[in-house]
């Protein structure tokens, strides 16, 4: 298929993609505050989850320590009761030593338990503060979504309509040309084509209208006559003659 058929079809697709890209950029800009707020809430929730897990572990540790302290205290009471049944001073003294050692261990564990409880209390306050912050940020997000809802809906509707137009326009482009165009579009969204800049009085100054690199005049001759799609030697954009844009 000749360039006189292929390039006009590509140019129509290019015009649509250029407008479509601008609409998508506009939608992204409108949604930036929303996405930023969503990311902030997600990060806070991640921190809350981590702190909540740590808090649960501390609570479990406190429960274990309480049970162990209770067991030791019961053991001390039993040893105290056994003092009345001792038959010698030696036995009595030995039990007193055991009671003293056990009480020292209880005091040591009570101090450690108190430290863990203080950690749990501090973390509990931090968790409560995080929950309050998340609630406040969710209110901010709701306000942003409410304020931007109309703009988002309008841009989304325009994008959907433009995407339908693009699908129809793409049907007019030869398959090989469309494949080339789509590859370039991935690199340059909405900017896959570039005008070939030239001066009839100075054909040594042919250049790409997008990257401005100098090009061989052969590109100009090919676009005017041969059945070929020409690509910029530097940026790889598909070239077209400026006068073709108005066709």
C-alpha atoms as a PDB file:
ATOM      1  CA  UNK A   1       0.000   0.000   0.000  1.00  0.00           C
ATOM      2  CA  UNK A   2       1.478   3.400  -0.951  1.00  0.00           C
ATOM      3  CA  UNK A   3       2.515   6.096   1.491  1.00  0.00           C
ATOM      4  CA  UNK A   4      -0.257   8.302   0.119  1.00  0.00           C
ATOM      5  CA  UNK A   5      -2.700   5.838   1.659  1.00  0.00           C
ATOM      6  CA  UNK A   6      -0.755   4.630   4.691  1.00  0.00           C
ATOM      7  CA  UNK A   7       0.476   7.934   6.102  1.00  0.00           C
ATOM      8  CA  UNK A   8      -2.886   9.750   6.029  1.00  0.00           C
ATOM      9  CA  UNK A   9      -4.414   6.835   7.920  1.00  0.00           C
ATOM     10  CA  UNK A  10      -1.542   6.920  10.411  1.00  0.00           C
ATOM     11  CA  UNK A  11      -1.902  10.678  10.778  1.00  0.00           C
ATOM     12  CA  UNK A  12      -5.584  10.338  11.630  1.00  0.00           C
ATOM     13  CA  UNK A  13      -4.700   7.731  14.227  1.00  0.00           C
ATOM     14  CA  UNK A  14      -1.882   9.961  15.477  1.00  0.00           C
ATOM     15  CA  UNK A  15      -4.238  12.917  15.976  1.00  0.00           C
ATOM     16  CA  UNK A  16      -6.583  10.751  18.007  1.00  0.00           C
ATOM     17  CA  UNK A  17      -3.728   9.314  20.079  1.00  0.00           C
ATOM     18  CA  UNK A  18      -2.344  12.786  20.727  1.00  0.00           C
ATOM     19  CA  UNK A  19      -5.706  13.937  22.084  1.00  0.00           C
ATOM     20  CA  UNK A  20      -6.184  10.673  23.956  1.00  0.00           C
ATOM     21  CA  UNK A  21      -2.789  11.040  25.614  1.00  0.00           C
ATOM     22  CA  UNK A  22      -3.642  14.568  26.739  1.00  0.00           C
ATOM     23  CA  UNK A  23      -6.909  13.357  28.218  1.00  0.00           C
ATOM     24  CA  UNK A  24      -5.117  10.578  30.100  1.00  0.00           C
ATOM     25  CA  UNK A  25      -2.508  13.011  31.399  1.00  0.00           C
ATOM     26  CA  UNK A  26      -5.329  15.321  32.484  1.00  0.00           C
ATOM     27  CA  UNK A  27      -7.075  12.474  34.302  1.00  0.00           C
ATOM     28  CA  UNK A  28      -3.843  11.444  35.969  1.00  0.00           C
ATOM     29  CA  UNK A  29      -3.237  15.019  37.138  1.00  0.00           C
ATOM     30  CA  UNK A  30      -6.751  15.273  38.559  1.00  0.00           C
ATOM     31  CA  UNK A  31      -6.293  11.983  40.382  1.00  0.00           C
ATOM     32  CA  UNK A  32      -2.789  12.733  41.711  1.00  0.00           C
ATOM     33  CA  UNK A  33      -4.013  14.136  45.027  1.00  0.00           C
ATOM     34  CA  UNK A  34      -6.371  11.185  45.369  1.00  0.00           C
ATOM     35  CA  UNK A  35      -3.640   8.646  44.608  1.00  0.00           C
ATOM     36  CA  UNK A  36      -1.220  10.404  46.944  1.00  0.00           C
ATOM     37  CA  UNK A  37      -3.772  10.322  49.765  1.00  0.00           C
ATOM     38  CA  UNK A  38      -4.569   6.669  49.068  1.00  0.00           C
ATOM     39  CA  UNK A  39      -0.858   5.841  49.232  1.00  0.00           C
ATOM     40  CA  UNK A  40      -0.554   7.700  52.542  1.00  0.00           C
ATOM     41  CA  UNK A  41      -3.499   5.777  54.019  1.00  0.00           C
ATOM     42  CA  UNK A  42      -2.056   2.492  52.741  1.00  0.00           C
ATOM     43  CA  UNK A  43       1.273   3.270  54.426  1.00  0.00           C
ATOM     44  CA  UNK A  44      -0.448   4.171  57.692  1.00  0.00           C
ATOM     45  CA  UNK A  45      -2.461   0.951  57.566  1.00  0.00           C
ATOM     46  CA  UNK A  46       0.761  -0.975  57.000  1.00  0.00           C
ATOM     47  CA  UNK A  47       2.304   0.682  60.060  1.00  0.00           C
ATOM     48  CA  UNK A  48      -0.867  -0.015  62.053  1.00  0.00           C
ATOM     49  CA  UNK A  49      -0.784  -3.684  61.081  1.00  0.00           C
ATOM     50  CA  UNK A  50       2.860  -3.999  62.165  1.00  0.00           C
ATOM     51  CA  UNK A  51       2.276  -2.211  65.473  1.00  0.00           C
ATOM     52  CA  UNK A  52      -0.876  -4.201  66.157  1.00  0.00           C
ATOM     53  CA  UNK A  53       1.036  -7.455  65.619  1.00  0.00           C
ATOM     54  CA  UNK A  54       3.786  -6.310  67.996  1.00  0.00           C
ATOM     55  CA  UNK A  55       1.168  -5.259  70.557  1.00  0.00           C
ATOM     56  CA  UNK A  56      -0.482  -8.676  70.430  1.00  0.00           C
ATOM     57  CA  UNK A  57       2.898 -10.347  70.996  1.00  0.00           C
ATOM     58  CA  UNK A  58       3.533  -8.104  73.997  1.00  0.00           C
ATOM     59  CA  UNK A  59       0.117  -8.951  75.423  1.00  0.00           C
ATOM     60  CA  UNK A  60       0.808 -12.645  74.979  1.00  0.00           C
ATOM     61  CA  UNK A  61       4.175 -12.175  76.719  1.00  0.00           C
ATOM     62  CA  UNK A  62       2.457 -10.356  79.609  1.00  0.00           C
ATOM     63  CA  UNK A  63      -0.062 -13.193  80.002  1.00  0.00           C
ATOM     64  CA  UNK A  64       2.740 -15.772  80.053  1.00  0.00           C
ATOM     65  CA  UNK A  65       4.685 -13.778  82.651  1.00  0.00           C
ATOM     66  CA  UNK A  66       1.566 -13.336  84.809  1.00  0.00           C
ATOM     67  CA  UNK A  67       0.959 -17.082  84.761  1.00  0.00           C
ATOM     68  CA  UNK A  68       4.566 -17.800  85.696  1.00  0.00           C
ATOM     69  CA  UNK A  69       4.464 -15.244  88.531  1.00  0.00           C
ATOM     70  CA  UNK A  70       1.255 -16.758  89.824  1.00  0.00           C
ATOM     71  CA  UNK A  71       2.838 -20.212  89.785  1.00  0.00           C
ATOM     72  CA  UNK A  72       5.924 -18.982  91.693  1.00  0.00           C
ATOM     73  CA  UNK A  73       3.789 -17.157  94.261  1.00  0.00           C
ATOM     74  CA  UNK A  74       1.725 -20.290  94.838  1.00  0.00           C
ATOM     75  CA  UNK A  75       4.960 -22.214  95.278  1.00  0.00           C
ATOM     76  CA  UNK A  76       6.150 -19.667  97.857  1.00  0.00           C
ATOM     77  CA  UNK A  77       2.884 -20.060  99.795  1.00  0.00           C
ATOM     78  CA  UNK A  78       3.291 -23.831  99.779  1.00  0.00           C
ATOM     79  CA  UNK A  79       6.837 -23.536 101.109  1.00  0.00           C
ATOM     80  CA  UNK A  80       5.658 -21.171 103.817  1.00  0.00           C
ATOM     81  CA  UNK A  81       3.027 -23.715 104.804  1.00  0.00           C
ATOM     82  CA  UNK A  82       5.658 -26.429 104.982  1.00  0.00           C
ATOM     83  CA  UNK A  83       7.609 -24.435 107.583  1.00  0.00           C
ATOM     84  CA  UNK A  84       5.135 -25.575 110.204  1.00  0.00           C
ATOM     85  CA  UNK A  85       5.880 -29.207 109.470  1.00  0.00           C
ATOM     86  CA  UNK A  86       9.659 -29.058 109.640  1.00  0.00           C
ATOM     87  CA  UNK A  87      11.333 -31.222 112.308  1.00  0.00           C
ATOM     88  CA  UNK A  88      14.747 -29.602 112.478  1.00  0.00           C
ATOM     89  CA  UNK A  89      16.246 -26.140 112.338  1.00  0.00           C
ATOM     90  CA  UNK A  90      18.269 -27.234 109.338  1.00  0.00           C
ATOM     91  CA  UNK A  91      15.144 -28.083 107.355  1.00  0.00           C
ATOM     92  CA  UNK A  92      13.524 -24.838 108.477  1.00  0.00           C
ATOM     93  CA  UNK A  93      16.543 -22.787 107.379  1.00  0.00           C
ATOM     94  CA  UNK A  94      16.767 -24.568 104.033  1.00  0.00           C
ATOM     95  CA  UNK A  95      13.131 -23.751 103.257  1.00  0.00           C
ATOM     96  CA  UNK A  96      13.675 -20.122 104.237  1.00  0.00           C
ATOM     97  CA  UNK A  97      16.604 -19.945 101.815  1.00  0.00           C
ATOM     98  CA  UNK A  98      14.428 -21.375  99.049  1.00  0.00           C
ATOM     99  CA  UNK A  99      11.648 -18.905  99.837  1.00  0.00           C
ATOM    100  CA  UNK A 100      14.109 -16.014  99.782  1.00  0.00           C
ATOM    101  CA  UNK A 101      15.538 -17.102  96.413  1.00  0.00           C
ATOM    102  CA  UNK A 102      12.069 -17.555  94.968  1.00  0.00           C
ATOM    103  CA  UNK A 103      10.955 -14.123  96.200  1.00  0.00           C
ATOM    104  CA  UNK A 104      14.031 -12.557  94.618  1.00  0.00           C
ATOM    105  CA  UNK A 105      13.182 -14.227  91.336  1.00  0.00           C
ATOM    106  CA  UNK A 106       9.555 -13.014  91.632  1.00  0.00           C
ATOM    107  CA  UNK A 107      10.734  -9.451  92.219  1.00  0.00           C
ATOM    108  CA  UNK A 108      13.032  -9.706  89.204  1.00  0.00           C
ATOM    109  CA  UNK A 109      10.215 -11.010  87.009  1.00  0.00           C
ATOM    110  CA  UNK A 110       7.783  -8.393  88.289  1.00  0.00           C
ATOM    111  CA  UNK A 111      10.230  -5.671  87.229  1.00  0.00           C
ATOM    112  CA  UNK A 112      10.599  -7.263  83.792  1.00  0.00           C
ATOM    113  CA  UNK A 113       6.811  -7.633  83.490  1.00  0.00           C
ATOM    114  CA  UNK A 114       6.336  -3.983  84.400  1.00  0.00           C
ATOM    115  CA  UNK A 115       8.714  -2.968  81.615  1.00  0.00           C
ATOM    116  CA  UNK A 116       6.808  -5.087  79.097  1.00  0.00           C
ATOM    117  CA  UNK A 117       3.499  -3.631  80.306  1.00  0.00           C
ATOM    118  CA  UNK A 118       4.866  -0.113  79.865  1.00  0.00           C
ATOM    119  CA  UNK A 119       5.957  -0.999  76.323  1.00  0.00           C
ATOM    120  CA  UNK A 120       2.497  -2.374  75.606  1.00  0.00           C
ATOM    121  CA  UNK A 121       0.846   0.751  77.039  1.00  0.00           C
ATOM    122  CA  UNK A 122       3.048   3.075  74.957  1.00  0.00           C
ATOM    123  CA  UNK A 123       2.410   1.014  71.838  1.00  0.00           C
ATOM    124  CA  UNK A 124      -1.318   0.988  72.571  1.00  0.00           C
ATOM    125  CA  UNK A 125      -1.330   4.798  72.623  1.00  0.00           C
ATOM    126  CA  UNK A 126       0.589   4.847  69.343  1.00  0.00           C
ATOM    127  CA  UNK A 127      -1.953   2.462  67.790  1.00  0.00           C
ATOM    128  CA  UNK A 128      -4.831   4.662  68.961  1.00  0.00           C
ATOM    129  CA  UNK A 129      -3.123   7.730  67.470  1.00  0.00           C
ATOM    130  CA  UNK A 130      -2.565   5.899  64.186  1.00  0.00           C
ATOM    131  CA  UNK A 131      -6.210   4.911  64.020  1.00  0.00           C
ATOM    132  CA  UNK A 132      -7.232   8.514  64.571  1.00  0.00           C
ATOM    133  CA  UNK A 133      -4.830   9.660  61.849  1.00  0.00           C
ATOM    134  CA  UNK A 134      -6.169   7.071  59.402  1.00  0.00           C
ATOM    135  CA  UNK A 135      -9.740   8.151  60.119  1.00  0.00           C
ATOM    136  CA  UNK A 136      -8.794  11.803  59.530  1.00  0.00           C
ATOM    137  CA  UNK A 137      -6.976  10.945  56.299  1.00  0.00           C
ATOM    138  CA  UNK A 138      -9.923   8.908  55.081  1.00  0.00           C
ATOM    139  CA  UNK A 139     -12.128  11.957  55.569  1.00  0.00           C
ATOM    140  CA  UNK A 140      -9.662  14.013  53.509  1.00  0.00           C
ATOM    141  CA  UNK A 141      -9.716  11.331  50.794  1.00  0.00           C
ATOM    142  CA  UNK A 142     -13.516  11.341  50.732  1.00  0.00           C
ATOM    143  CA  UNK A 143     -13.477  15.122  50.319  1.00  0.00           C
ATOM    144  CA  UNK A 144     -10.944  14.918  47.455  1.00  0.00           C
ATOM    145  CA  UNK A 145     -12.970  12.199  45.723  1.00  0.00           C
ATOM    146  CA  UNK A 146     -16.151  14.237  46.110  1.00  0.00           C
ATOM    147  CA  UNK A 147     -14.555  17.407  44.741  1.00  0.00           C
ATOM    148  CA  UNK A 148     -12.976  15.618  41.773  1.00  0.00           C
ATOM    149  CA  UNK A 149     -15.780  13.174  40.995  1.00  0.00           C
ATOM    150  CA  UNK A 150     -17.331  15.323  38.261  1.00  0.00           C
ATOM    151  CA  UNK A 151     -13.989  16.003  36.551  1.00  0.00           C
ATOM    152  CA  UNK A 152     -12.969  12.350  36.733  1.00  0.00           C
ATOM    153  CA  UNK A 153     -16.311  11.210  35.328  1.00  0.00           C
ATOM    154  CA  UNK A 154     -16.102  13.723  32.474  1.00  0.00           C
ATOM    155  CA  UNK A 155     -12.544  12.848  31.524  1.00  0.00           C
ATOM    156  CA  UNK A 156     -13.237   9.114  31.824  1.00  0.00           C
ATOM    157  CA  UNK A 157     -16.217   9.461  29.482  1.00  0.00           C
ATOM    158  CA  UNK A 158     -14.125  11.404  26.951  1.00  0.00           C
ATOM    159  CA  UNK A 159     -11.346   8.813  27.127  1.00  0.00           C
ATOM    160  CA  UNK A 160     -13.771   5.949  26.529  1.00  0.00           C
ATOM    161  CA  UNK A 161     -15.267   7.767  23.541  1.00  0.00           C
ATOM    162  CA  UNK A 162     -11.817   8.535  22.163  1.00  0.00           C
ATOM    163  CA  UNK A 163     -10.723   4.923  22.615  1.00  0.00           C
ATOM    164  CA  UNK A 164     -13.680   3.828  20.471  1.00  0.00           C
ATOM    165  CA  UNK A 165     -12.688   6.348  17.795  1.00  0.00           C
ATOM    166  CA  UNK A 166      -9.139   5.041  17.932  1.00  0.00           C
ATOM    167  CA  UNK A 167     -10.261   1.444  17.463  1.00  0.00           C
ATOM    168  CA  UNK A 168     -12.158   2.470  14.327  1.00  0.00           C
ATOM    169  CA  UNK A 169      -9.294   4.572  12.987  1.00  0.00           C
ATOM    170  CA  UNK A 170      -6.823   1.713  13.530  1.00  0.00           C
ATOM    171  CA  UNK A 171      -8.815  -0.467  11.137  1.00  0.00           C
ATOM    172  CA  UNK A 172      -7.795   1.826   8.261  1.00  0.00           C
ATOM    173  CA  UNK A 173      -4.067   1.403   8.925  1.00  0.00           C
ATOM    174  CA  UNK A 174      -2.248  -1.498   7.208  1.00  0.00           C
ATOM    175  CA  UNK A 175      -1.235  -4.176   9.692  1.00  0.00           C
ATOM    176  CA  UNK A 176       2.543  -3.796   9.317  1.00  0.00           C
ATOM    177  CA  UNK A 177       2.345  -0.016   9.568  1.00  0.00           C
ATOM    178  CA  UNK A 178       0.110  -0.271  12.630  1.00  0.00           C
ATOM    179  CA  UNK A 179       2.551  -2.663  14.290  1.00  0.00           C
ATOM    180  CA  UNK A 180       5.399  -0.198  13.730  1.00  0.00           C
ATOM    181  CA  UNK A 181       3.290   2.688  14.963  1.00  0.00           C
ATOM    182  CA  UNK A 182       2.227   0.856  18.121  1.00  0.00           C
ATOM    183  CA  UNK A 183       5.845   0.018  18.973  1.00  0.00           C
ATOM    184  CA  UNK A 184       6.879   3.662  18.622  1.00  0.00           C
ATOM    185  CA  UNK A 185       3.808   4.753  20.607  1.00  0.00           C
ATOM    186  CA  UNK A 186       4.934   2.638  23.543  1.00  0.00           C
ATOM    187  CA  UNK A 187       8.137   4.684  23.651  1.00  0.00           C
ATOM    188  CA  UNK A 188       6.503   8.034  22.839  1.00  0.00           C
ATOM    189  CA  UNK A 189       2.859   8.035  24.021  1.00  0.00           C
ATOM    190  CA  UNK A 190       0.868  10.481  21.915  1.00  0.00           C
ATOM    191  CA  UNK A 191       4.019  11.500  20.048  1.00  0.00           C
ATOM    192  CA  UNK A 192       4.834   8.626  17.693  1.00  0.00           C
ATOM    193  CA  UNK A 193       4.967  10.726  14.515  1.00  0.00           C
ATOM    194  CA  UNK A 194       7.273  13.616  13.688  1.00  0.00           C
ATOM    195  CA  UNK A 195       7.134  16.184  10.857  1.00  0.00           C
ATOM    196  CA  UNK A 196      10.040  16.211   8.459  1.00  0.00           C
ATOM    197  CA  UNK A 197      11.391  19.755   8.545  1.00  0.00           C
ATOM    198  CA  UNK A 198      12.963  21.027   5.312  1.00  0.00           C
ATOM    199  CA  UNK A 199      13.543  24.078   3.157  1.00  0.00           C
ATOM    200  CA  UNK A 200      13.096  23.742  -0.622  1.00  0.00           C
ATOM    201  CA  UNK A 201      15.942  26.181  -1.078  1.00  0.00           C
ATOM    202  CA  UNK A 202      18.275  24.275   1.210  1.00  0.00           C
ATOM    203  CA  UNK A 203      17.678  20.550   1.024  1.00  0.00           C
ATOM    204  CA  UNK A 204      20.854  19.896   2.977  1.00  0.00           C
ATOM    205  CA  UNK A 205      19.065  21.031   6.134  1.00  0.00           C
ATOM    206  CA  UNK A 206      16.423  18.280   6.356  1.00  0.00           C
ATOM    207  CA  UNK A 207      15.730  17.346   9.981  1.00  0.00           C
ATOM    208  CA  UNK A 208      13.333  15.586  12.340  1.00  0.00           C
ATOM    209  CA  UNK A 209      10.754  17.968  13.766  1.00  0.00           C
ATOM    210  CA  UNK A 210      10.741  16.193  17.118  1.00  0.00           C
ATOM    211  CA  UNK A 211      14.360  15.420  18.012  1.00  0.00           C
ATOM    212  CA  UNK A 212      15.815  18.012  15.546  1.00  0.00           C
ATOM    213  CA  UNK A 213      18.543  15.682  14.311  1.00  0.00           C
ATOM    214  CA  UNK A 214      19.687  16.213  10.737  1.00  0.00           C
ATOM    215  CA  UNK A 215      18.428  13.658   8.208  1.00  0.00           C
ATOM    216  CA  UNK A 216      19.326  12.601   4.691  1.00  0.00           C
ATOM    217  CA  UNK A 217      17.252  14.160   1.906  1.00  0.00           C
ATOM    218  CA  UNK A 218      16.366  10.596   0.885  1.00  0.00           C
ATOM    219  CA  UNK A 219      13.662  10.655   3.557  1.00  0.00           C
ATOM    220  CA  UNK A 220      12.023  13.613   1.839  1.00  0.00           C
ATOM    221  CA  UNK A 221      12.185  11.978  -1.569  1.00  0.00           C
ATOM    222  CA  UNK A 222      10.739   8.729  -0.212  1.00  0.00           C
ATOM    223  CA  UNK A 223       7.846  10.452   1.499  1.00  0.00           C
ATOM    224  CA  UNK A 224       7.037  12.268  -1.722  1.00  0.00           C
ATOM    225  CA  UNK A 225       7.061   9.199  -3.870  1.00  0.00           C
ATOM    226  CA  UNK A 226       7.909   5.687  -2.755  1.00  0.00           C
ATOM    227  CA  UNK A 227       5.721   3.170  -0.919  1.00  0.00           C
ATOM    228  CA  UNK A 228       7.542   3.245   2.387  1.00  0.00           C
ATOM    229  CA  UNK A 229       7.237   4.385   5.947  1.00  0.00           C
ATOM    230  CA  UNK A 230      10.272   6.384   6.958  1.00  0.00           C
ATOM    231  CA  UNK A 231      11.649   6.466  10.502  1.00  0.00           C
ATOM    232  CA  UNK A 232      13.924   9.073  12.049  1.00  0.00           C
ATOM    233  CA  UNK A 233      17.475   7.711  12.209  1.00  0.00           C
ATOM    234  CA  UNK A 234      17.858   9.128  15.727  1.00  0.00           C
ATOM    235  CA  UNK A 235      14.566   8.922  17.665  1.00  0.00           C
ATOM    236  CA  UNK A 236      12.835   6.288  15.456  1.00  0.00           C
ATOM    237  CA  UNK A 237       9.612   8.280  15.183  1.00  0.00           C
ATOM    238  CA  UNK A 238       7.605   7.797  11.984  1.00  0.00           C
ATOM    239  CA  UNK A 239       8.156  10.781   9.690  1.00  0.00           C
ATOM    240  CA  UNK A 240       5.555  12.703   7.708  1.00  0.00           C
ATOM    241  CA  UNK A 241       5.532  15.854   5.609  1.00  0.00           C
ATOM    242  CA  UNK A 242       4.010  18.896   7.365  1.00  0.00           C
ATOM    243  CA  UNK A 243       1.627  19.481   4.458  1.00  0.00           C
ATOM    244  CA  UNK A 244       0.143  16.016   5.024  1.00  0.00           C
ATOM    245  CA  UNK A 245      -1.261  17.045   8.414  1.00  0.00           C
ATOM    246  CA  UNK A 246      -3.998  19.122   6.801  1.00  0.00           C
ATOM    247  CA  UNK A 247      -5.130  16.366   4.444  1.00  0.00           C
END
